[in-house]
């Protein structure tokens, strides 16, 4: 009985430990640079700032409120953006999201 309990505890511990956090090298493959038109999409109050490339790829930009307020008056505009790419949903649908680390107006 003790060995069964020990086995269950070991399995729980192993299941909770999970993989190590990604290193900078592993995360580098998720950093991309894209160019395209940035605009505000959606209907108030469910709007988002989105970049659309010439190939029609869409990226929701993960901006904080201050960054968004500073950017919106000049939109639509073309930008080159470098940032961390990740998957998430917007308006109930899956979209690629981009957390910008550098933005350059073209």
Protein backbone atom coordinates (compact mmCIF):
# COMPACT_ATOMS: atom_id res chain seq x y z
CA UNK A 1 0.00 0.00 0.00
CA UNK A 2 2.85 2.36 0.86
CA UNK A 3 4.52 1.68 -2.48
CA UNK A 4 1.28 2.48 -4.34
CA UNK A 5 0.92 5.75 -2.43
CA UNK A 6 4.56 6.59 -3.14
CA UNK A 7 4.05 5.83 -6.84
CA UNK A 8 0.96 8.06 -7.03
CA UNK A 9 2.75 10.91 -5.27
CA UNK A 10 5.73 10.54 -7.62
CA UNK A 11 3.47 10.65 -10.67
CA UNK A 12 1.68 13.75 -9.35
CA UNK A 13 5.02 15.45 -8.69
CA UNK A 14 6.33 14.59 -12.17
CA UNK A 15 3.10 15.72 -13.81
CA UNK A 16 3.20 19.08 -12.05
CA UNK A 17 6.87 19.78 -12.69
CA UNK A 18 6.39 20.21 -16.46
CA UNK A 19 9.12 21.26 -18.87
CA UNK A 20 11.61 23.98 -18.05
CA UNK A 21 10.82 27.55 -19.08
CA UNK A 22 11.98 28.29 -22.61
CA UNK A 23 15.44 29.78 -22.90
CA UNK A 24 16.19 32.91 -24.90
CA UNK A 25 17.50 30.69 -27.69
CA UNK A 26 14.26 28.66 -27.83
CA UNK A 27 12.17 31.83 -27.79
CA UNK A 28 14.19 33.37 -30.63
CA UNK A 29 12.34 31.22 -33.15
CA UNK A 30 9.12 32.91 -32.04
CA UNK A 31 10.49 36.41 -32.73
CA UNK A 32 9.54 37.59 -36.23
CA UNK A 33 9.66 40.79 -38.29
CA UNK A 34 6.69 41.63 -40.51
CA UNK A 35 5.63 44.62 -42.60
CA UNK A 36 2.13 45.72 -43.37
CA UNK A 37 -0.80 48.04 -42.80
CA UNK A 38 -1.86 48.67 -39.20
CA UNK A 39 -5.48 49.58 -38.57
CA UNK A 40 -8.13 49.33 -35.90
CA UNK A 41 -10.55 46.46 -36.50
CA UNK A 42 -13.82 45.43 -34.89
CA UNK A 43 -16.73 47.27 -33.37
CA UNK A 44 -16.63 49.39 -30.23
CA UNK A 45 -15.99 48.31 -27.49
CA UNK A 46 -14.45 45.17 -29.01
CA UNK A 47 -11.77 46.74 -31.19
CA UNK A 48 -8.19 45.66 -31.70
CA UNK A 49 -5.11 47.06 -33.43
CA UNK A 50 -4.17 44.64 -36.20
CA UNK A 51 -1.43 44.40 -38.79
CA UNK A 52 -2.22 42.97 -42.23
CA UNK A 53 0.67 41.99 -44.50
CA UNK A 54 0.67 42.24 -48.29
CA UNK A 55 0.11 38.46 -48.30
CA UNK A 56 -3.06 39.01 -46.21
CA UNK A 57 -1.63 37.53 -42.99
CA UNK A 58 -3.25 39.08 -39.93
CA UNK A 59 -1.57 39.75 -36.58
CA UNK A 60 -3.32 41.15 -33.52
CA UNK A 61 -0.90 43.56 -31.85
CA UNK A 62 -0.56 43.07 -28.09
CA UNK A 63 -0.29 46.70 -27.00
CA UNK A 64 -0.89 48.21 -23.60
CA UNK A 65 -3.46 51.00 -23.36
CA UNK A 66 -0.88 53.84 -23.48
CA UNK A 67 0.81 52.40 -26.59
CA UNK A 68 -2.55 51.95 -28.27
CA UNK A 69 -3.70 55.51 -27.52
CA UNK A 70 -0.42 56.92 -28.87
CA UNK A 71 -0.62 54.83 -32.06
CA UNK A 72 -4.31 55.10 -33.01
CA UNK A 73 -4.45 58.76 -34.18
CA UNK A 74 -1.94 58.01 -36.98
CA UNK A 75 -3.73 54.92 -38.27
CA UNK A 76 -4.06 53.42 -40.80
CA UNK A 77 -0.33 53.39 -41.59
CA UNK A 78 2.40 51.03 -42.82
CA UNK A 79 4.82 49.66 -40.23
CA UNK A 80 7.64 47.17 -39.85
CA UNK A 81 7.23 45.34 -36.55
CA UNK A 82 9.54 42.94 -34.75
CA UNK A 83 8.08 41.00 -31.87
CA UNK A 84 7.21 37.77 -30.14
CA UNK A 85 4.68 35.68 -32.06
CA UNK A 86 2.11 33.64 -30.14
CA UNK A 87 -1.35 32.12 -30.68
CA UNK A 88 -4.45 33.50 -28.95
CA UNK A 89 -8.06 34.36 -29.73
CA UNK A 90 -9.79 37.62 -30.53
CA UNK A 91 -13.54 37.96 -30.79
CA UNK A 92 -13.89 34.20 -30.27
CA UNK A 93 -11.64 33.27 -33.21
CA UNK A 94 -8.00 32.16 -33.28
CA UNK A 95 -5.51 34.77 -34.51
CA UNK A 96 -1.76 35.13 -34.53
CA UNK A 97 -0.75 37.71 -31.93
CA UNK A 98 2.39 39.79 -32.00
CA UNK A 99 3.89 41.40 -28.90
CA UNK A 100 6.01 44.18 -30.46
CA UNK A 101 9.54 44.84 -29.28
CA UNK A 102 10.29 47.30 -32.12
CA UNK A 103 7.97 49.30 -34.39
CA UNK A 104 9.12 51.38 -37.36
CA UNK A 105 6.76 53.54 -39.42
CA UNK A 106 7.44 53.10 -43.15
